[in-house]
Amino acid sequence: MEHDDDTGSNAGGWIGAIIVLIVVGWFIHKAYDNYQNGEKKPFWKGTQQVQVCKKPYYSSQECYKLDVTLVDDETASIRFPNGGYKVTRDVTCYFASTYDAPKYVFCRSWDSDANQWDFMPTWVNY
């Protein structure tokens, strides 16, 4: 008597499906992780009032709300109340968050004197 037993092929199908799900899940996790931790575009365009902080600083109280012109995705021009300005280069942006605020994009840049400048939305307070 011949016995038709295809449980082995079903098991192989389930194992293949599980492997595919694991691989797809890993790719989704990797894409989400890259989105969370990867570089972002600057959060403003043209000239807008932005919270500007010159390193070192330890709280928003040491920052100023200034007009900043985004020249391109890598260059910004900070306008000071006395009429002066400072051009910064290599604008690099990431997600940030504080314990009591939603996630936001902040940007970091450097001037020709190697001073670091951070740019944040004006509502950020830490």
PDB file of N, CA and C in Angstrom:
ATOM      1  N   MET A   1       0.826  -1.162   0.000  1.00  0.00           N
ATOM      2  CA  MET A   1       0.000   0.000   0.000  1.00  0.00           C
ATOM      3  C   MET A   1       0.880   1.238   0.000  1.00  0.00           C
ATOM      4  N   GLU A   2       0.626   2.047  -0.947  1.00  0.00           N
ATOM      5  CA  GLU A   2       1.403   3.273  -1.096  1.00  0.00           C
ATOM      6  C   GLU A   2       0.748   4.365  -0.284  1.00  0.00           C
ATOM      7  N   HIS A   3       1.568   5.117   0.397  1.00  0.00           N
ATOM      8  CA  HIS A   3       1.046   6.185   1.243  1.00  0.00           C
ATOM      9  C   HIS A   3       1.518   7.526   0.701  1.00  0.00           C
ATOM     10  N   ASP A   4       0.584   8.378   0.413  1.00  0.00           N
ATOM     11  CA  ASP A   4       0.925   9.690  -0.148  1.00  0.00           C
ATOM     12  C   ASP A   4       1.073  10.670   1.021  1.00  0.00           C
ATOM     13  N   ASP A   5       2.293  10.940   1.387  1.00  0.00           N
ATOM     14  CA  ASP A   5       2.550  11.828   2.542  1.00  0.00           C
ATOM     15  C   ASP A   5       3.335  13.034   2.055  1.00  0.00           C
ATOM     16  N   ASP A   6       2.687  14.198   2.022  1.00  0.00           N
ATOM     17  CA  ASP A   6       3.355  15.403   1.547  1.00  0.00           C
ATOM     18  C   ASP A   6       3.651  16.372   2.686  1.00  0.00           C
ATOM     19  N   THR A   7       3.681  15.867   3.911  1.00  0.00           N
ATOM     20  CA  THR A   7       3.968  16.749   5.050  1.00  0.00           C
ATOM     21  C   THR A   7       5.372  17.319   4.952  1.00  0.00           C
ATOM     22  N   GLY A   8       6.290  16.628   4.362  1.00  0.00           N
ATOM     23  CA  GLY A   8       7.650  17.138   4.196  1.00  0.00           C
ATOM     24  C   GLY A   8       7.683  18.347   3.288  1.00  0.00           C
ATOM     25  N   SER A   9       6.922  18.310   2.210  1.00  0.00           N
ATOM     26  CA  SER A   9       6.921  19.459   1.305  1.00  0.00           C
ATOM     27  C   SER A   9       6.189  20.637   1.932  1.00  0.00           C
ATOM     28  N   ASN A  10       5.156  20.390   2.737  1.00  0.00           N
ATOM     29  CA  ASN A  10       4.470  21.483   3.442  1.00  0.00           C
ATOM     30  C   ASN A  10       5.396  22.136   4.452  1.00  0.00           C
ATOM     31  N   ALA A  11       6.158  21.329   5.143  1.00  0.00           N
ATOM     32  CA  ALA A  11       7.099  21.877   6.127  1.00  0.00           C
ATOM     33  C   ALA A  11       8.139  22.745   5.427  1.00  0.00           C
ATOM     34  N   GLY A  12       8.601  22.289   4.279  1.00  0.00           N
ATOM     35  CA  GLY A  12       9.565  23.073   3.514  1.00  0.00           C
ATOM     36  C   GLY A  12       8.979  24.392   3.053  1.00  0.00           C
ATOM     37  N   GLY A  13       7.703  24.378   2.677  1.00  0.00           N
ATOM     38  CA  GLY A  13       7.024  25.611   2.276  1.00  0.00           C
ATOM     39  C   GLY A  13       6.908  26.592   3.427  1.00  0.00           C
ATOM     40  N   TRP A  14       6.572  26.073   4.613  1.00  0.00           N
ATOM     41  CA  TRP A  14       6.457  26.941   5.789  1.00  0.00           C
ATOM     42  C   TRP A  14       7.815  27.525   6.173  1.00  0.00           C
ATOM     43  N   ILE A  15       8.834  26.738   6.111  1.00  0.00           N
ATOM     44  CA  ILE A  15      10.181  27.227   6.449  1.00  0.00           C
ATOM     45  C   ILE A  15      10.608  28.314   5.464  1.00  0.00           C
ATOM     46  N   GLY A  16      10.326  28.102   4.199  1.00  0.00           N
ATOM     47  CA  GLY A  16      10.650  29.115   3.184  1.00  0.00           C
ATOM     48  C   GLY A  16       9.891  30.408   3.428  1.00  0.00           C
ATOM     49  N   ALA A  17       8.589  30.281   3.780  1.00  0.00           N
ATOM     50  CA  ALA A  17       7.778  31.471   4.052  1.00  0.00           C
ATOM     51  C   ALA A  17       8.308  32.219   5.268  1.00  0.00           C
ATOM     52  N   ILE A  18       8.699  31.492   6.289  1.00  0.00           N
ATOM     53  CA  ILE A  18       9.250  32.127   7.497  1.00  0.00           C
ATOM     54  C   ILE A  18      10.548  32.851   7.172  1.00  0.00           C
ATOM     55  N   ILE A  19      11.394  32.236   6.391  1.00  0.00           N
ATOM     56  CA  ILE A  19      12.666  32.879   6.003  1.00  0.00           C
ATOM     57  C   ILE A  19      12.389  34.154   5.216  1.00  0.00           C
ATOM     58  N   VAL A  20      11.445  34.104   4.281  1.00  0.00           N
ATOM     59  CA  VAL A  20      11.096  35.292   3.500  1.00  0.00           C
ATOM     60  C   VAL A  20      10.582  36.396   4.426  1.00  0.00           C
ATOM     61  N   LEU A  21       9.711  36.061   5.370  1.00  0.00           N
ATOM     62  CA  LEU A  21       9.197  37.056   6.321  1.00  0.00           C
ATOM     63  C   LEU A  21      10.313  37.668   7.165  1.00  0.00           C
ATOM     64  N   ILE A  22      11.247  36.858   7.597  1.00  0.00           N
ATOM     65  CA  ILE A  22      12.372  37.366   8.388  1.00  0.00           C
ATOM     66  C   ILE A  22      13.211  38.327   7.560  1.00  0.00           C
ATOM     67  N   VAL A  23      13.504  37.969   6.330  1.00  0.00           N
ATOM     68  CA  VAL A  23      14.316  38.824   5.451  1.00  0.00           C
ATOM     69  C   VAL A  23      13.589  40.133   5.167  1.00  0.00           C
ATOM     70  N   VAL A  24      12.292  40.066   4.838  1.00  0.00           N
ATOM     71  CA  VAL A  24      11.512  41.280   4.575  1.00  0.00           C
ATOM     72  C   VAL A  24      11.468  42.151   5.829  1.00  0.00           C
ATOM     73  N   GLY A  25      11.221  41.547   6.986  1.00  0.00           N
ATOM     74  CA  GLY A  25      11.209  42.298   8.252  1.00  0.00           C
ATOM     75  C   GLY A  25      12.532  42.978   8.523  1.00  0.00           C
ATOM     76  N   TRP A  26      13.638  42.286   8.237  1.00  0.00           N
ATOM     77  CA  TRP A  26      14.963  42.871   8.447  1.00  0.00           C
ATOM     78  C   TRP A  26      15.159  44.086   7.539  1.00  0.00           C
ATOM     79  N   PHE A  27      14.749  43.972   6.275  1.00  0.00           N
ATOM     80  CA  PHE A  27      14.880  45.106   5.342  1.00  0.00           C
ATOM     81  C   PHE A  27      14.024  46.287   5.785  1.00  0.00           C
ATOM     82  N   ILE A  28      12.815  46.028   6.240  1.00  0.00           N
ATOM     83  CA  ILE A  28      11.946  47.112   6.717  1.00  0.00           C
ATOM     84  C   ILE A  28      12.570  47.788   7.932  1.00  0.00           C
ATOM     85  N   HIS A  29      13.072  46.993   8.865  1.00  0.00           N
ATOM     86  CA  HIS A  29      13.730  47.553  10.055  1.00  0.00           C
ATOM     87  C   HIS A  29      14.941  48.397   9.661  1.00  0.00           C
ATOM     88  N   LYS A  30      15.734  47.891   8.738  1.00  0.00           N
ATOM     89  CA  LYS A  30      16.928  48.610   8.280  1.00  0.00           C
ATOM     90  C   LYS A  30      16.545  49.934   7.619  1.00  0.00           C
ATOM     91  N   ALA A  31      15.516  49.920   6.774  1.00  0.00           N
ATOM     92  CA  ALA A  31      15.065  51.141   6.103  1.00  0.00           C
ATOM     93  C   ALA A  31      14.552  52.153   7.127  1.00  0.00           C
ATOM     94  N   TYR A  32      13.795  51.695   8.115  1.00  0.00           N
ATOM     95  CA  TYR A  32      13.274  52.587   9.157  1.00  0.00           C
ATOM     96  C   TYR A  32      14.421  53.155   9.988  1.00  0.00           C
ATOM     97  N   ASP A  33      15.388  52.315  10.325  1.00  0.00           N
ATOM     98  CA  ASP A  33      16.545  52.756  11.100  1.00  0.00           C
ATOM     99  C   ASP A  33      17.339  53.808  10.322  1.00  0.00           C
ATOM    100  N   ASN A  34      17.538  53.591   9.026  1.00  0.00           N
ATOM    101  CA  ASN A  34      18.237  54.578   8.197  1.00  0.00           C
ATOM    102  C   ASN A  34      17.458  55.882   8.126  1.00  0.00           C
ATOM    103  N   TYR A  35      16.132  55.787   8.054  1.00  0.00           N
ATOM    104  CA  TYR A  35      15.296  56.986   8.031  1.00  0.00           C
ATOM    105  C   TYR A  35      15.428  57.744   9.353  1.00  0.00           C
ATOM    106  N   GLN A  36      15.408  57.047  10.460  1.00  0.00           N
ATOM    107  CA  GLN A  36      15.486  57.685  11.770  1.00  0.00           C
ATOM    108  C   GLN A  36      16.854  58.312  12.020  1.00  0.00           C
ATOM    109  N   ASN A  37      17.908  57.615  11.639  1.00  0.00           N
ATOM    110  CA  ASN A  37      19.266  58.038  11.995  1.00  0.00           C
ATOM    111  C   ASN A  37      20.034  58.686  10.855  1.00  0.00           C
ATOM    112  N   GLY A  38      19.486  58.688   9.672  1.00  0.00           N
ATOM    113  CA  GLY A  38      20.183  59.254   8.526  1.00  0.00           C
ATOM    114  C   GLY A  38      20.040  60.767   8.456  1.00  0.00           C
ATOM    115  N   GLU A  39      20.799  61.351   7.562  1.00  0.00           N
ATOM    116  CA  GLU A  39      20.738  62.806   7.380  1.00  0.00           C
ATOM    117  C   GLU A  39      19.383  63.217   6.812  1.00  0.00           C
ATOM    118  N   LYS A  40      18.939  64.400   7.229  1.00  0.00           N
ATOM    119  CA  LYS A  40      17.677  64.971   6.780  1.00  0.00           C
ATOM    120  C   LYS A  40      17.949  66.246   5.991  1.00  0.00           C
ATOM    121  N   LYS A  41      16.940  66.713   5.294  1.00  0.00           N
ATOM    122  CA  LYS A  41      17.025  68.019   4.627  1.00  0.00           C
ATOM    123  C   LYS A  41      16.807  69.097   5.677  1.00  0.00           C
ATOM    124  N   PRO A  42      17.364  70.293   5.482  1.00  0.00           N
ATOM    125  CA  PRO A  42      17.092  71.390   6.419  1.00  0.00           C
ATOM    126  C   PRO A  42      15.591  71.616   6.562  1.00  0.00           C
ATOM    127  N   PHE A  43      15.163  72.059   7.733  1.00  0.00           N
ATOM    128  CA  PHE A  43      13.744  72.194   8.044  1.00  0.00           C
ATOM    129  C   PHE A  43      13.155  73.528   7.586  1.00  0.00           C
ATOM    130  N   TRP A  44      13.979  74.406   7.013  1.00  0.00           N
ATOM    131  CA  TRP A  44      13.467  75.686   6.526  1.00  0.00           C
ATOM    132  C   TRP A  44      13.983  75.933   5.116  1.00  0.00           C
ATOM    133  N   LYS A  45      13.313  76.852   4.427  1.00  0.00           N
ATOM    134  CA  LYS A  45      13.715  77.246   3.068  1.00  0.00           C
ATOM    135  C   LYS A  45      13.784  78.763   3.024  1.00  0.00           C
ATOM    136  N   GLY A  46      14.643  79.292   2.167  1.00  0.00           N
ATOM    137  CA  GLY A  46      14.756  80.742   2.036  1.00  0.00           C
ATOM    138  C   GLY A  46      15.231  81.372   3.332  1.00  0.00           C
ATOM    139  N   THR A  47      14.652  82.519   3.693  1.00  0.00           N
ATOM    140  CA  THR A  47      15.013  83.216   4.927  1.00  0.00           C
ATOM    141  C   THR A  47      13.881  83.055   5.924  1.00  0.00           C
ATOM    142  N   GLN A  48      14.209  82.498   7.077  1.00  0.00           N
ATOM    143  CA  GLN A  48      13.225  82.330   8.149  1.00  0.00           C
ATOM    144  C   GLN A  48      13.895  82.591   9.483  1.00  0.00           C
ATOM    145  N   GLN A  49      13.070  82.905  10.480  1.00  0.00           N
ATOM    146  CA  GLN A  49      13.605  83.037  11.832  1.00  0.00           C
ATOM    147  C   GLN A  49      13.808  81.636  12.400  1.00  0.00           C
ATOM    148  N   VAL A  50      15.013  81.392  12.879  1.00  0.00           N
ATOM    149  CA  VAL A  50      15.431  80.079  13.357  1.00  0.00           C
ATOM    150  C   VAL A  50      16.136  80.276  14.696  1.00  0.00           C
ATOM    151  N   GLN A  51      16.035  79.303  15.571  1.00  0.00           N
ATOM    152  CA  GLN A  51      16.803  79.348  16.813  1.00  0.00           C
ATOM    153  C   GLN A  51      18.257  78.973  16.482  1.00  0.00           C
ATOM    154  N   VAL A  52      19.181  79.864  16.810  1.00  0.00           N
ATOM    155  CA  VAL A  52      20.590  79.689  16.452  1.00  0.00           C
ATOM    156  C   VAL A  52      21.409  79.589  17.739  1.00  0.00           C
ATOM    157  N   CYS A  53      22.244  78.562  17.823  1.00  0.00           N
ATOM    158  CA  CYS A  53      23.075  78.356  19.003  1.00  0.00           C
ATOM    159  C   CYS A  53      24.525  78.166  18.561  1.00  0.00           C
ATOM    160  N   LYS A  54      25.425  78.916  19.159  1.00  0.00           N
ATOM    161  CA  LYS A  54      26.852  78.761  18.866  1.00  0.00           C
ATOM    162  C   LYS A  54      27.457  77.887  19.961  1.00  0.00           C
ATOM    163  N   LYS A  55      28.170  76.855  19.549  1.00  0.00           N
ATOM    164  CA  LYS A  55      28.804  75.960  20.517  1.00  0.00           C
ATOM    165  C   LYS A  55      29.926  76.692  21.238  1.00  0.00           C
ATOM    166  N   PRO A  56      30.141  76.478  22.503  1.00  0.00           N
ATOM    167  CA  PRO A  56      29.352  75.603  23.378  1.00  0.00           C
ATOM    168  C   PRO A  56      28.115  76.312  23.916  1.00  0.00           C
ATOM    169  N   TYR A  57      27.051  75.572  24.090  1.00  0.00           N
ATOM    170  CA  TYR A  57      25.840  76.077  24.739  1.00  0.00           C
ATOM    171  C   TYR A  57      25.234  74.909  25.504  1.00  0.00           C
ATOM    172  N   TYR A  58      24.486  75.230  26.523  1.00  0.00           N
ATOM    173  CA  TYR A  58      23.970  74.182  27.399  1.00  0.00           C
ATOM    174  C   TYR A  58      22.452  74.219  27.552  1.00  0.00           C
ATOM    175  N   SER A  59      21.795  75.240  26.994  1.00  0.00           N
ATOM    176  CA  SER A  59      20.337  75.309  27.014  1.00  0.00           C
ATOM    177  C   SER A  59      19.873  76.319  25.968  1.00  0.00           C
ATOM    178  N   SER A  60      18.590  76.347  25.733  1.00  0.00           N
ATOM    179  CA  SER A  60      18.009  77.297  24.773  1.00  0.00           C
ATOM    180  C   SER A  60      18.207  78.740  25.215  1.00  0.00           C
ATOM    181  N   GLN A  61      18.446  78.957  26.492  1.00  0.00           N
ATOM    182  CA  GLN A  61      18.654  80.322  26.991  1.00  0.00           C
ATOM    183  C   GLN A  61      19.916  80.949  26.422  1.00  0.00           C
ATOM    184  N   GLU A  62      20.813  80.128  25.907  1.00  0.00           N
ATOM    185  CA  GLU A  62      22.055  80.629  25.325  1.00  0.00           C
ATOM    186  C   GLU A  62      21.969  80.737  23.796  1.00  0.00           C
ATOM    187  N   CYS A  63      20.757  80.599  23.271  1.00  0.00           N
ATOM    188  CA  CYS A  63      20.530  80.647  21.831  1.00  0.00           C
ATOM    189  C   CYS A  63      19.712  81.888  21.487  1.00  0.00           C
ATOM    190  N   TYR A  64      19.692  82.233  20.210  1.00  0.00           N
ATOM    191  CA  TYR A  64      18.985  83.435  19.763  1.00  0.00           C
ATOM    192  C   TYR A  64      18.096  83.102  18.583  1.00  0.00           C
ATOM    193  N   LYS A  65      16.983  83.789  18.480  1.00  0.00           N
ATOM    194  CA  LYS A  65      16.104  83.651  17.323  1.00  0.00           C
ATOM    195  C   LYS A  65      16.538  84.694  16.301  1.00  0.00           C
ATOM    196  N   LEU A  66      17.140  84.203  15.227  1.00  0.00           N
ATOM    197  CA  LEU A  66      17.710  85.080  14.206  1.00  0.00           C
ATOM    198  C   LEU A  66      17.196  84.688  12.826  1.00  0.00           C
ATOM    199  N   ASP A  67      17.243  85.634  11.901  1.00  0.00           N
ATOM    200  CA  ASP A  67      16.929  85.326  10.510  1.00  0.00           C
ATOM    201  C   ASP A  67      18.118  84.580   9.910  1.00  0.00           C
ATOM    202  N   VAL A  68      17.814  83.440   9.325  1.00  0.00           N
ATOM    203  CA  VAL A  68      18.851  82.624   8.681  1.00  0.00           C
ATOM    204  C   VAL A  68      18.383  82.325   7.268  1.00  0.00           C
ATOM    205  N   THR A  69      19.256  82.606   6.303  1.00  0.00           N
ATOM    206  CA  THR A  69      18.956  82.317   4.901  1.00  0.00           C
ATOM    207  C   THR A  69      19.628  81.009   4.523  1.00  0.00           C
ATOM    208  N   LEU A  70      18.820  80.080   4.062  1.00  0.00           N
ATOM    209  CA  LEU A  70      19.361  78.830   3.545  1.00  0.00           C
ATOM    210  C   LEU A  70      19.703  79.077   2.077  1.00  0.00           C
ATOM    211  N   VAL A  71      20.999  79.234   1.799  1.00  0.00           N
ATOM    212  CA  VAL A  71      21.466  79.537   0.448  1.00  0.00           C
ATOM    213  C   VAL A  71      21.273  78.320  -0.457  1.00  0.00           C
ATOM    214  N   ASP A  72      21.672  77.169   0.035  1.00  0.00           N
ATOM    215  CA  ASP A  72      21.424  75.879  -0.610  1.00  0.00           C
ATOM    216  C   ASP A  72      21.386  74.851   0.518  1.00  0.00           C
ATOM    217  N   ASP A  73      21.286  73.571   0.200  1.00  0.00           N
ATOM    218  CA  ASP A  73      21.163  72.562   1.250  1.00  0.00           C
ATOM    219  C   ASP A  73      22.419  72.424   2.114  1.00  0.00           C
ATOM    220  N   GLU A  74      23.500  73.104   1.748  1.00  0.00           N
ATOM    221  CA  GLU A  74      24.742  72.971   2.510  1.00  0.00           C
ATOM    222  C   GLU A  74      25.289  74.291   3.026  1.00  0.00           C
ATOM    223  N   THR A  75      24.652  75.419   2.713  1.00  0.00           N
ATOM    224  CA  THR A  75      25.175  76.736   3.094  1.00  0.00           C
ATOM    225  C   THR A  75      24.070  77.577   3.700  1.00  0.00           C
ATOM    226  N   ALA A  76      24.378  78.223   4.830  1.00  0.00           N
ATOM    227  CA  ALA A  76      23.418  79.105   5.489  1.00  0.00           C
ATOM    228  C   ALA A  76      24.100  80.427   5.817  1.00  0.00           C
ATOM    229  N   SER A  77      23.321  81.501   5.843  1.00  0.00           N
ATOM    230  CA  SER A  77      23.819  82.822   6.203  1.00  0.00           C
ATOM    231  C   SER A  77      23.004  83.324   7.402  1.00  0.00           C
ATOM    232  N   ILE A  78      23.687  83.524   8.525  1.00  0.00           N
ATOM    233  CA  ILE A  78      23.053  83.984   9.756  1.00  0.00           C
ATOM    234  C   ILE A  78      23.104  85.504   9.781  1.00  0.00           C
ATOM    235  N   ARG A  79      21.976  86.152   9.985  1.00  0.00           N
ATOM    236  CA  ARG A  79      21.889  87.622  10.067  1.00  0.00           C
ATOM    237  C   ARG A  79      21.791  88.026  11.539  1.00  0.00           C
ATOM    238  N   PHE A  80      22.684  88.908  11.958  1.00  0.00           N
ATOM    239  CA  PHE A  80      22.688  89.386  13.338  1.00  0.00           C
ATOM    240  C   PHE A  80      21.977  90.734  13.429  1.00  0.00           C
ATOM    241  N   PRO A  81      21.418  91.064  14.607  1.00  0.00           N
ATOM    242  CA  PRO A  81      20.678  92.328  14.769  1.00  0.00           C
ATOM    243  C   PRO A  81      21.509  93.577  14.478  1.00  0.00           C
ATOM    244  N   ASN A  82      22.833  93.494  14.630  1.00  0.00           N
ATOM    245  CA  ASN A  82      23.687  94.667  14.376  1.00  0.00           C
ATOM    246  C   ASN A  82      23.987  94.870  12.891  1.00  0.00           C
ATOM    247  N   GLY A  83      23.379  94.038  12.032  1.00  0.00           N
ATOM    248  CA  GLY A  83      23.600  94.158  10.592  1.00  0.00           C
ATOM    249  C   GLY A  83      24.674  93.220  10.063  1.00  0.00           C
ATOM    250  N   GLY A  84      25.422  92.598  10.938  1.00  0.00           N
ATOM    251  CA  GLY A  84      26.458  91.656  10.500  1.00  0.00           C
ATOM    252  C   GLY A  84      25.868  90.320  10.091  1.00  0.00           C
ATOM    253  N   TYR A  85      26.688  89.492   9.504  1.00  0.00           N
ATOM    254  CA  TYR A  85      26.244  88.164   9.115  1.00  0.00           C
ATOM    255  C   TYR A  85      27.412  87.193   9.181  1.00  0.00           C
ATOM    256  N   LYS A  86      27.095  85.943   9.230  1.00  0.00           N
ATOM    257  CA  LYS A  86      28.096  84.878   9.258  1.00  0.00           C
ATOM    258  C   LYS A  86      27.614  83.785   8.313  1.00  0.00           C
ATOM    259  N   VAL A  87      28.469  83.377   7.387  1.00  0.00           N
ATOM    260  CA  VAL A  87      28.135  82.300   6.455  1.00  0.00           C
ATOM    261  C   VAL A  87      28.672  80.996   7.038  1.00  0.00           C
ATOM    262  N   THR A  88      27.830  79.979   7.053  1.00  0.00           N
ATOM    263  CA  THR A  88      28.256  78.662   7.536  1.00  0.00           C
ATOM    264  C   THR A  88      28.113  77.657   6.407  1.00  0.00           C
ATOM    265  N   ARG A  89      28.908  76.625   6.488  1.00  0.00           N
ATOM    266  CA  ARG A  89      28.932  75.611   5.426  1.00  0.00           C
ATOM    267  C   ARG A  89      28.738  74.214   6.016  1.00  0.00           C
ATOM    268  N   ASP A  90      28.564  73.258   5.135  1.00  0.00           N
ATOM    269  CA  ASP A  90      28.382  71.854   5.527  1.00  0.00           C
ATOM    270  C   ASP A  90      27.192  71.676   6.470  1.00  0.00           C
ATOM    271  N   VAL A  91      26.058  72.270   6.115  1.00  0.00           N
ATOM    272  CA  VAL A  91      24.843  72.094   6.914  1.00  0.00           C
ATOM    273  C   VAL A  91      24.479  70.611   6.903  1.00  0.00           C
ATOM    274  N   THR A  92      24.383  70.032   8.084  1.00  0.00           N
ATOM    275  CA  THR A  92      24.057  68.621   8.252  1.00  0.00           C
ATOM    276  C   THR A  92      22.899  68.529   9.233  1.00  0.00           C
ATOM    277  N   CYS A  93      21.844  67.811   8.868  1.00  0.00           N
ATOM    278  CA  CYS A  93      20.624  67.794   9.674  1.00  0.00           C
ATOM    279  C   CYS A  93      20.242  66.374  10.074  1.00  0.00           C
ATOM    280  N   TYR A  94      19.682  66.257  11.280  1.00  0.00           N
ATOM    281  CA  TYR A  94      19.251  64.969  11.839  1.00  0.00           C
ATOM    282  C   TYR A  94      17.984  65.162  12.653  1.00  0.00           C
ATOM    283  N   PHE A  95      17.352  64.057  13.012  1.00  0.00           N
ATOM    284  CA  PHE A  95      16.257  64.106  13.966  1.00  0.00           C
ATOM    285  C   PHE A  95      16.824  64.316  15.358  1.00  0.00           C
ATOM    286  N   ALA A  96      16.075  65.021  16.185  1.00  0.00           N
ATOM    287  CA  ALA A  96      16.404  65.184  17.594  1.00  0.00           C
ATOM    288  C   ALA A  96      15.103  65.198  18.367  1.00  0.00           C
ATOM    289  N   SER A  97      15.190  65.074  19.677  1.00  0.00           N
ATOM    290  CA  SER A  97      13.995  65.195  20.505  1.00  0.00           C
ATOM    291  C   SER A  97      14.430  65.516  21.927  1.00  0.00           C
ATOM    292  N   THR A  98      13.503  66.085  22.659  1.00  0.00           N
ATOM    293  CA  THR A  98      13.710  66.311  24.088  1.00  0.00           C
ATOM    294  C   THR A  98      12.662  65.501  24.818  1.00  0.00           C
ATOM    295  N   TYR A  99      12.811  65.363  26.090  1.00  0.00           N
ATOM    296  CA  TYR A  99      11.915  64.488  26.845  1.00  0.00           C
ATOM    297  C   TYR A  99      10.460  64.947  26.808  1.00  0.00           C
ATOM    298  N   ASP A 100      10.207  66.226  26.585  1.00  0.00           N
ATOM    299  CA  ASP A 100       8.832  66.723  26.641  1.00  0.00           C
ATOM    300  C   ASP A 100       8.346  67.315  25.313  1.00  0.00           C
ATOM    301  N   ALA A 101       9.040  67.032  24.229  1.00  0.00           N
ATOM    302  CA  ALA A 101       8.665  67.623  22.939  1.00  0.00           C
ATOM    303  C   ALA A 101       8.690  66.548  21.851  1.00  0.00           C
ATOM    304  N   PRO A 102       7.962  66.783  20.783  1.00  0.00           N
ATOM    305  CA  PRO A 102       8.009  65.818  19.674  1.00  0.00           C
ATOM    306  C   PRO A 102       9.359  65.865  18.954  1.00  0.00           C
ATOM    307  N   LYS A 103       9.588  64.849  18.180  1.00  0.00           N
ATOM    308  CA  LYS A 103      10.810  64.769  17.385  1.00  0.00           C
ATOM    309  C   LYS A 103      10.852  65.943  16.410  1.00  0.00           C
ATOM    310  N   TYR A 104      12.025  66.479  16.171  1.00  0.00           N
ATOM    311  CA  TYR A 104      12.185  67.591  15.236  1.00  0.00           C
ATOM    312  C   TYR A 104      13.516  67.443  14.521  1.00  0.00           C
ATOM    313  N   VAL A 105      13.707  68.226  13.460  1.00  0.00           N
ATOM    314  CA  VAL A 105      14.975  68.228  12.728  1.00  0.00           C
ATOM    315  C   VAL A 105      15.810  69.399  13.232  1.00  0.00           C
ATOM    316  N   PHE A 106      17.056  69.120  13.590  1.00  0.00           N
ATOM    317  CA  PHE A 106      18.000  70.188  13.901  1.00  0.00           C
ATOM    318  C   PHE A 106      19.157  70.070  12.919  1.00  0.00           C
ATOM    319  N   CYS A 107      19.830  71.189  12.704  1.00  0.00           N
ATOM    320  CA  CYS A 107      20.932  71.208  11.739  1.00  0.00           C
ATOM    321  C   CYS A 107      22.188  71.757  12.410  1.00  0.00           C
ATOM    322  N   ARG A 108      23.307  71.290  11.950  1.00  0.00           N
ATOM    323  CA  ARG A 108      24.608  71.696  12.470  1.00  0.00           C
ATOM    324  C   ARG A 108      25.435  72.188  11.291  1.00  0.00           C
ATOM    325  N   SER A 109      26.243  73.236  11.544  1.00  0.00           N
ATOM    326  CA  SER A 109      27.032  73.831  10.473  1.00  0.00           C
ATOM    327  C   SER A 109      28.268  74.491  11.071  1.00  0.00           C
ATOM    328  N   TRP A 110      29.244  74.824  10.235  1.00  0.00           N
ATOM    329  CA  TRP A 110      30.489  75.420  10.709  1.00  0.00           C
ATOM    330  C   TRP A 110      30.832  76.651   9.877  1.00  0.00           C
ATOM    331  N   ASP A 111      31.386  77.657  10.551  1.00  0.00           N
ATOM    332  CA  ASP A 111      31.814  78.857   9.825  1.00  0.00           C
ATOM    333  C   ASP A 111      33.292  78.738   9.459  1.00  0.00           C
ATOM    334  N   SER A 112      33.833  79.768   8.819  1.00  0.00           N
ATOM    335  CA  SER A 112      35.221  79.730   8.346  1.00  0.00           C
ATOM    336  C   SER A 112      36.232  79.768   9.486  1.00  0.00           C
ATOM    337  N   ASP A 113      35.784  80.116  10.706  1.00  0.00           N
ATOM    338  CA  ASP A 113      36.669  80.104  11.878  1.00  0.00           C
ATOM    339  C   ASP A 113      36.540  78.803  12.658  1.00  0.00           C
ATOM    340  N   ALA A 114      35.885  77.805  12.085  1.00  0.00           N
ATOM    341  CA  ALA A 114      35.669  76.483  12.691  1.00  0.00           C
ATOM    342  C   ALA A 114      34.741  76.532  13.901  1.00  0.00           C
ATOM    343  N   ASN A 115      33.911  77.570  14.009  1.00  0.00           N
ATOM    344  CA  ASN A 115      32.887  77.611  15.054  1.00  0.00           C
ATOM    345  C   ASN A 115      31.693  76.777  14.604  1.00  0.00           C
ATOM    346  N   GLN A 116      31.144  76.019  15.530  1.00  0.00           N
ATOM    347  CA  GLN A 116      29.976  75.206  15.219  1.00  0.00           C
ATOM    348  C   GLN A 116      28.712  75.988  15.568  1.00  0.00           C
ATOM    349  N   TRP A 117      27.744  75.963  14.658  1.00  0.00           N
ATOM    350  CA  TRP A 117      26.447  76.616  14.827  1.00  0.00           C
ATOM    351  C   TRP A 117      25.365  75.577  14.674  1.00  0.00           C
ATOM    352  N   ASP A 118      24.416  75.566  15.610  1.00  0.00           N
ATOM    353  CA  ASP A 118      23.275  74.658  15.519  1.00  0.00           C
ATOM    354  C   ASP A 118      22.019  75.459  15.239  1.00  0.00           C
ATOM    355  N   PHE A 119      21.164  74.912  14.380  1.00  0.00           N
ATOM    356  CA  PHE A 119      19.908  75.557  14.006  1.00  0.00           C
ATOM    357  C   PHE A 119      18.751  74.646  14.395  1.00  0.00           C
ATOM    358  N   MET A 120      17.751  75.228  15.066  1.00  0.00           N
ATOM    359  CA  MET A 120      16.569  74.475  15.493  1.00  0.00           C
ATOM    360  C   MET A 120      15.315  75.295  15.234  1.00  0.00           C
ATOM    361  N   PRO A 121      14.171  74.647  15.159  1.00  0.00           N
ATOM    362  CA  PRO A 121      12.931  75.408  15.093  1.00  0.00           C
ATOM    363  C   PRO A 121      12.821  76.338  16.315  1.00  0.00           C
ATOM    364  N   THR A 122      12.141  77.452  16.156  1.00  0.00           N
ATOM    365  CA  THR A 122      12.056  78.429  17.248  1.00  0.00           C
ATOM    366  C   THR A 122      11.289  77.910  18.454  1.00  0.00           C
ATOM    367  N   TRP A 123      10.432  76.919  18.282  1.00  0.00           N
ATOM    368  CA  TRP A 123       9.630  76.408  19.389  1.00  0.00           C
ATOM    369  C   TRP A 123      10.397  75.458  20.304  1.00  0.00           C
ATOM    370  N   VAL A 124      11.584  75.007  19.862  1.00  0.00           N
ATOM    371  CA  VAL A 124      12.336  74.046  20.678  1.00  0.00           C
ATOM    372  C   VAL A 124      12.862  74.735  21.925  1.00  0.00           C
ATOM    373  N   ASN A 125      12.632  74.117  23.062  1.00  0.00           N
ATOM    374  CA  ASN A 125      13.106  74.656  24.338  1.00  0.00           C
ATOM    375  C   ASN A 125      13.651  73.488  25.151  1.00  0.00           C
ATOM    376  N   TYR A 126      14.900  73.567  25.513  1.00  0.00           N
ATOM    377  CA  TYR A 126      15.487  72.494  26.322  1.00  0.00           C
ATOM    378  C   TYR A 126      16.420  73.051  27.353  1.00  0.00           C
TER     379      TYR A 126
END
